[in-house]
Amino acid sequence: GPANADIERMIKRFEKYGPCLFTYLEHPGVMPDNNAAEREIRPFVVQRKISGNFISPEVMKIYSNHMSLYRTCKRNNVNFEEVIIPLLKGDTNEVLRLLGLLKSKPPPC
């Protein structure tokens, strides 16, 4: 069976994080599990398994950033291709506006 130290560690964790386990009961729209988050990272895990790993940490970071942007676009019903052009031009405000994170286009400087 579990050692006393293991049981004590579990009790301490529950005392610390226990209230967070039931957040979904108090806040409508909060899911009781992390399945959505797991599904979001699945394409990344599949790619890593297919290729064996990434060539370098830099390539992994680039892939992660692209996948994050792609998934954000998909989740917000935004055409990924429409976001790429302002992104490559460095127009952060336009990217945020397209993603619905900036409500109006700022006036030109």
N, C-alpha and C. Protein backbone atom coordinates (compact mmCIF):
# COMPACT_ATOMS: atom_id res chain seq x y z
N GLY A 1 0.81 -1.18 0.00
CA GLY A 1 0.00 0.00 0.00
C GLY A 1 0.86 1.26 0.00
N PRO A 2 0.23 2.40 -0.09
CA PRO A 2 0.99 3.65 -0.09
C PRO A 2 1.63 3.92 1.26
N ALA A 3 2.79 4.51 1.21
CA ALA A 3 3.50 4.86 2.44
C ALA A 3 2.82 6.06 3.08
N ASN A 4 3.03 6.22 4.37
CA ASN A 4 2.44 7.36 5.08
C ASN A 4 2.86 8.68 4.45
N ALA A 5 4.10 8.77 3.97
CA ALA A 5 4.58 10.00 3.35
C ALA A 5 3.76 10.32 2.09
N ASP A 6 3.41 9.28 1.32
CA ASP A 6 2.59 9.49 0.12
C ASP A 6 1.20 10.00 0.49
N ILE A 7 0.62 9.42 1.52
CA ILE A 7 -0.71 9.85 1.97
C ILE A 7 -0.66 11.28 2.48
N GLU A 8 0.35 11.61 3.24
CA GLU A 8 0.50 12.98 3.76
C GLU A 8 0.65 13.98 2.61
N ARG A 9 1.43 13.60 1.60
CA ARG A 9 1.63 14.47 0.44
C ARG A 9 0.30 14.69 -0.30
N MET A 10 -0.49 13.62 -0.44
CA MET A 10 -1.79 13.75 -1.10
C MET A 10 -2.73 14.65 -0.30
N ILE A 11 -2.72 14.51 1.01
CA ILE A 11 -3.57 15.35 1.86
C ILE A 11 -3.18 16.81 1.73
N LYS A 12 -1.87 17.09 1.73
CA LYS A 12 -1.41 18.48 1.58
C LYS A 12 -1.81 19.05 0.23
N ARG A 13 -1.69 18.25 -0.82
CA ARG A 13 -2.09 18.72 -2.15
C ARG A 13 -3.58 19.02 -2.20
N PHE A 14 -4.38 18.16 -1.58
CA PHE A 14 -5.82 18.39 -1.58
C PHE A 14 -6.17 19.63 -0.77
N GLU A 15 -5.48 19.83 0.34
CA GLU A 15 -5.72 21.04 1.14
C GLU A 15 -5.38 22.29 0.33
N LYS A 16 -4.31 22.20 -0.46
CA LYS A 16 -3.88 23.36 -1.24
C LYS A 16 -4.75 23.58 -2.48
N TYR A 17 -5.05 22.50 -3.22
CA TYR A 17 -5.74 22.62 -4.51
C TYR A 17 -7.19 22.16 -4.49
N GLY A 18 -7.64 21.59 -3.40
CA GLY A 18 -8.99 21.05 -3.31
C GLY A 18 -10.08 21.99 -3.76
N PRO A 19 -10.09 23.24 -3.28
CA PRO A 19 -11.15 24.16 -3.70
C PRO A 19 -11.19 24.38 -5.22
N CYS A 20 -10.05 24.28 -5.87
CA CYS A 20 -9.99 24.49 -7.33
C CYS A 20 -10.62 23.33 -8.10
N LEU A 21 -10.73 22.17 -7.46
CA LEU A 21 -11.28 21.01 -8.15
C LEU A 21 -12.76 21.17 -8.48
N PHE A 22 -13.43 22.07 -7.78
CA PHE A 22 -14.87 22.22 -7.96
C PHE A 22 -15.26 23.59 -8.51
N THR A 23 -14.33 24.25 -9.15
CA THR A 23 -14.58 25.56 -9.76
C THR A 23 -15.76 25.49 -10.73
N TYR A 24 -15.85 24.40 -11.46
CA TYR A 24 -16.90 24.26 -12.47
C TYR A 24 -18.31 24.30 -11.87
N LEU A 25 -18.45 23.99 -10.58
CA LEU A 25 -19.76 24.05 -9.94
C LEU A 25 -20.23 25.48 -9.72
N GLU A 26 -19.28 26.38 -9.52
CA GLU A 26 -19.61 27.77 -9.21
C GLU A 26 -19.61 28.68 -10.43
N HIS A 27 -18.99 28.23 -11.52
CA HIS A 27 -18.84 29.08 -12.71
C HIS A 27 -19.36 28.35 -13.95
N PRO A 28 -20.56 28.71 -14.41
CA PRO A 28 -21.08 28.07 -15.62
C PRO A 28 -20.12 28.29 -16.79
N GLY A 29 -19.98 27.29 -17.60
CA GLY A 29 -19.09 27.39 -18.76
C GLY A 29 -17.70 26.82 -18.50
N VAL A 30 -17.35 26.63 -17.23
CA VAL A 30 -16.06 26.01 -16.90
C VAL A 30 -16.27 24.50 -16.89
N MET A 31 -15.49 23.81 -17.68
CA MET A 31 -15.64 22.36 -17.79
C MET A 31 -15.01 21.67 -16.57
N PRO A 32 -15.53 20.51 -16.18
CA PRO A 32 -14.98 19.80 -15.02
C PRO A 32 -13.70 19.03 -15.33
N ASP A 33 -13.28 19.04 -16.59
CA ASP A 33 -12.06 18.31 -16.95
C ASP A 33 -11.21 19.18 -17.88
N ASN A 34 -10.07 18.66 -18.27
CA ASN A 34 -9.19 19.42 -19.15
C ASN A 34 -9.14 18.81 -20.55
N ASN A 35 -10.20 18.13 -20.95
CA ASN A 35 -10.21 17.47 -22.26
C ASN A 35 -10.01 18.45 -23.41
N ALA A 36 -10.58 19.64 -23.31
CA ALA A 36 -10.41 20.63 -24.39
C ALA A 36 -8.94 21.01 -24.53
N ALA A 37 -8.26 21.20 -23.42
CA ALA A 37 -6.83 21.54 -23.46
C ALA A 37 -6.03 20.38 -24.04
N GLU A 38 -6.40 19.17 -23.66
CA GLU A 38 -5.71 17.99 -24.19
C GLU A 38 -5.89 17.90 -25.71
N ARG A 39 -7.09 18.18 -26.18
CA ARG A 39 -7.34 18.14 -27.63
C ARG A 39 -6.55 19.22 -28.36
N GLU A 40 -6.37 20.37 -27.73
CA GLU A 40 -5.62 21.47 -28.36
C GLU A 40 -4.16 21.10 -28.59
N ILE A 41 -3.55 20.35 -27.68
CA ILE A 41 -2.13 20.02 -27.84
C ILE A 41 -1.92 18.72 -28.61
N ARG A 42 -2.99 17.99 -28.90
CA ARG A 42 -2.86 16.71 -29.60
C ARG A 42 -2.11 16.83 -30.93
N PRO A 43 -2.42 17.79 -31.82
CA PRO A 43 -1.67 17.88 -33.08
C PRO A 43 -0.16 18.04 -32.86
N PHE A 44 0.21 18.77 -31.84
CA PHE A 44 1.62 18.95 -31.52
C PHE A 44 2.26 17.61 -31.13
N VAL A 45 1.57 16.86 -30.30
CA VAL A 45 2.09 15.56 -29.84
C VAL A 45 2.19 14.59 -31.01
N VAL A 46 1.18 14.58 -31.88
CA VAL A 46 1.21 13.70 -33.04
C VAL A 46 2.39 14.04 -33.94
N GLN A 47 2.60 15.33 -34.21
CA GLN A 47 3.73 15.75 -35.05
C GLN A 47 5.05 15.31 -34.44
N ARG A 48 5.18 15.47 -33.14
CA ARG A 48 6.41 15.08 -32.45
C ARG A 48 6.64 13.57 -32.58
N LYS A 49 5.57 12.78 -32.45
CA LYS A 49 5.70 11.33 -32.56
C LYS A 49 6.05 10.91 -33.98
N ILE A 50 5.47 11.57 -34.97
CA ILE A 50 5.74 11.23 -36.37
C ILE A 50 7.20 11.51 -36.71
N SER A 51 7.68 12.67 -36.33
CA SER A 51 9.04 13.07 -36.71
C SER A 51 10.10 12.55 -35.75
N GLY A 52 9.69 11.96 -34.65
CA GLY A 52 10.65 11.48 -33.67
C GLY A 52 11.03 12.56 -32.68
N ASN A 53 11.08 13.75 -33.12
CA ASN A 53 11.31 14.94 -32.30
C ASN A 53 11.57 16.09 -33.26
N PHE A 54 11.75 17.24 -32.73
CA PHE A 54 12.05 18.39 -33.58
C PHE A 54 13.56 18.52 -33.74
N ILE A 55 13.97 19.10 -34.85
CA ILE A 55 15.39 19.25 -35.16
C ILE A 55 16.11 20.05 -34.09
N SER A 56 15.45 21.09 -33.63
CA SER A 56 16.06 21.95 -32.62
C SER A 56 14.97 22.63 -31.80
N PRO A 57 15.33 23.19 -30.67
CA PRO A 57 14.34 23.93 -29.88
C PRO A 57 13.73 25.10 -30.66
N GLU A 58 14.51 25.71 -31.56
CA GLU A 58 13.99 26.82 -32.35
C GLU A 58 12.88 26.36 -33.28
N VAL A 59 13.08 25.21 -33.93
CA VAL A 59 12.06 24.67 -34.84
C VAL A 59 10.81 24.31 -34.05
N MET A 60 10.99 23.74 -32.88
CA MET A 60 9.86 23.40 -32.03
C MET A 60 9.08 24.66 -31.65
N LYS A 61 9.79 25.74 -31.33
CA LYS A 61 9.13 27.00 -30.95
C LYS A 61 8.34 27.57 -32.13
N ILE A 62 8.94 27.56 -33.32
CA ILE A 62 8.26 28.07 -34.52
C ILE A 62 6.99 27.25 -34.79
N TYR A 63 7.13 25.93 -34.74
CA TYR A 63 5.97 25.06 -34.98
C TYR A 63 4.89 25.32 -33.93
N SER A 64 5.29 25.44 -32.67
CA SER A 64 4.33 25.68 -31.58
C SER A 64 3.59 27.00 -31.79
N ASN A 65 4.33 28.04 -32.16
CA ASN A 65 3.70 29.35 -32.39
C ASN A 65 2.71 29.30 -33.55
N HIS A 66 3.10 28.64 -34.65
CA HIS A 66 2.21 28.53 -35.80
C HIS A 66 0.95 27.74 -35.45
N MET A 67 1.14 26.62 -34.74
CA MET A 67 -0.02 25.81 -34.36
C MET A 67 -0.93 26.58 -33.42
N SER A 68 -0.35 27.32 -32.50
CA SER A 68 -1.15 28.11 -31.56
C SER A 68 -1.99 29.14 -32.32
N LEU A 69 -1.37 29.84 -33.26
CA LEU A 69 -2.09 30.83 -34.06
C LEU A 69 -3.17 30.16 -34.90
N TYR A 70 -2.83 29.04 -35.54
CA TYR A 70 -3.79 28.32 -36.37
C TYR A 70 -5.01 27.89 -35.55
N ARG A 71 -4.76 27.30 -34.38
CA ARG A 71 -5.85 26.82 -33.53
C ARG A 71 -6.69 27.99 -33.00
N THR A 72 -6.03 29.11 -32.69
CA THR A 72 -6.76 30.29 -32.23
C THR A 72 -7.67 30.81 -33.33
N CYS A 73 -7.15 30.86 -34.56
CA CYS A 73 -7.97 31.28 -35.70
C CYS A 73 -9.17 30.35 -35.87
N LYS A 74 -8.91 29.07 -35.84
CA LYS A 74 -9.98 28.09 -36.03
C LYS A 74 -11.04 28.22 -34.94
N ARG A 75 -10.61 28.37 -33.71
CA ARG A 75 -11.53 28.49 -32.57
C ARG A 75 -12.39 29.76 -32.68
N ASN A 76 -11.84 30.82 -33.30
CA ASN A 76 -12.55 32.09 -33.42
C ASN A 76 -13.18 32.30 -34.80
N ASN A 77 -13.23 31.23 -35.60
CA ASN A 77 -13.80 31.29 -36.95
C ASN A 77 -13.17 32.39 -37.79
N VAL A 78 -11.85 32.47 -37.74
CA VAL A 78 -11.08 33.45 -38.50
C VAL A 78 -10.25 32.70 -39.53
N ASN A 79 -10.22 33.21 -40.75
CA ASN A 79 -9.43 32.61 -41.81
C ASN A 79 -7.94 32.79 -41.49
N PHE A 80 -7.24 31.69 -41.33
CA PHE A 80 -5.81 31.70 -40.97
C PHE A 80 -5.01 32.52 -41.98
N GLU A 81 -5.32 32.37 -43.27
CA GLU A 81 -4.58 33.08 -44.31
C GLU A 81 -4.73 34.60 -44.19
N GLU A 82 -5.89 35.07 -43.71
CA GLU A 82 -6.09 36.51 -43.54
C GLU A 82 -5.21 37.08 -42.44
N VAL A 83 -4.85 36.26 -41.49
CA VAL A 83 -4.05 36.71 -40.35
C VAL A 83 -2.56 36.73 -40.69
N ILE A 84 -2.14 35.86 -41.59
CA ILE A 84 -0.72 35.72 -41.91
C ILE A 84 -0.13 37.01 -42.49
N ILE A 85 -0.84 37.66 -43.41
CA ILE A 85 -0.28 38.85 -44.07
C ILE A 85 0.01 39.97 -43.08
N PRO A 86 -0.96 40.38 -42.24
CA PRO A 86 -0.61 41.43 -41.26
C PRO A 86 0.44 40.95 -40.26
N LEU A 87 0.44 39.66 -39.97
CA LEU A 87 1.45 39.13 -39.06
C LEU A 87 2.85 39.30 -39.65
N LEU A 88 3.00 38.93 -40.92
CA LEU A 88 4.31 39.06 -41.58
C LEU A 88 4.72 40.52 -41.75
N LYS A 89 3.74 41.42 -41.85
CA LYS A 89 4.04 42.85 -41.95
C LYS A 89 4.33 43.47 -40.58
N GLY A 90 4.12 42.68 -39.52
CA GLY A 90 4.36 43.19 -38.17
C GLY A 90 3.23 44.04 -37.64
N ASP A 91 2.05 43.93 -38.26
CA ASP A 91 0.89 44.72 -37.84
C ASP A 91 0.14 43.98 -36.73
N THR A 92 0.67 44.04 -35.53
CA THR A 92 0.12 43.32 -34.39
C THR A 92 -1.32 43.72 -34.10
N ASN A 93 -1.61 45.02 -34.19
CA ASN A 93 -2.97 45.48 -33.92
C ASN A 93 -3.98 44.87 -34.88
N GLU A 94 -3.61 44.74 -36.15
CA GLU A 94 -4.52 44.14 -37.13
C GLU A 94 -4.73 42.66 -36.83
N VAL A 95 -3.68 41.97 -36.44
CA VAL A 95 -3.80 40.55 -36.07
C VAL A 95 -4.76 40.42 -34.88
N LEU A 96 -4.56 41.25 -33.87
CA LEU A 96 -5.43 41.21 -32.69
C LEU A 96 -6.88 41.55 -33.06
N ARG A 97 -7.05 42.52 -33.95
CA ARG A 97 -8.40 42.89 -34.38
C ARG A 97 -9.07 41.73 -35.11
N LEU A 98 -8.34 41.08 -36.01
CA LEU A 98 -8.90 39.95 -36.75
C LEU A 98 -9.29 38.81 -35.83
N LEU A 99 -8.53 38.63 -34.76
CA LEU A 99 -8.82 37.55 -33.81
C LEU A 99 -9.89 37.94 -32.81
N GLY A 100 -10.37 39.18 -32.91
CA GLY A 100 -11.41 39.63 -31.99
C GLY A 100 -10.87 40.05 -30.64
N LEU A 101 -9.57 40.24 -30.56
CA LEU A 101 -8.95 40.63 -29.29
C LEU A 101 -8.77 42.14 -29.19
N LEU A 102 -8.97 42.82 -30.31
CA LEU A 102 -8.92 44.29 -30.35
C LEU A 102 -10.19 44.70 -31.09
N LYS A 103 -11.05 45.40 -30.42
CA LYS A 103 -12.39 45.64 -30.94
C LYS A 103 -12.45 46.58 -32.14
N SER A 104 -11.57 47.52 -32.24
CA SER A 104 -11.60 48.42 -33.39
C SER A 104 -10.18 48.68 -33.86
N LYS A 105 -10.08 49.04 -35.11
CA LYS A 105 -8.77 49.34 -35.68
C LYS A 105 -8.30 50.69 -35.14
N PRO A 106 -7.09 50.75 -34.58
CA PRO A 106 -6.62 52.03 -34.04
C PRO A 106 -6.37 53.03 -35.17
N PRO A 107 -6.48 54.32 -34.87
CA PRO A 107 -6.22 55.32 -35.91
C PRO A 107 -4.76 55.26 -36.35
N PRO A 108 -4.49 55.56 -37.64
CA PRO A 108 -3.10 55.54 -38.10
C PRO A 108 -2.29 56.64 -37.41
N CYS A 109 -1.03 56.36 -37.19
CA CYS A 109 -0.15 57.33 -36.51
C CYS A 109 0.37 58.36 -37.47
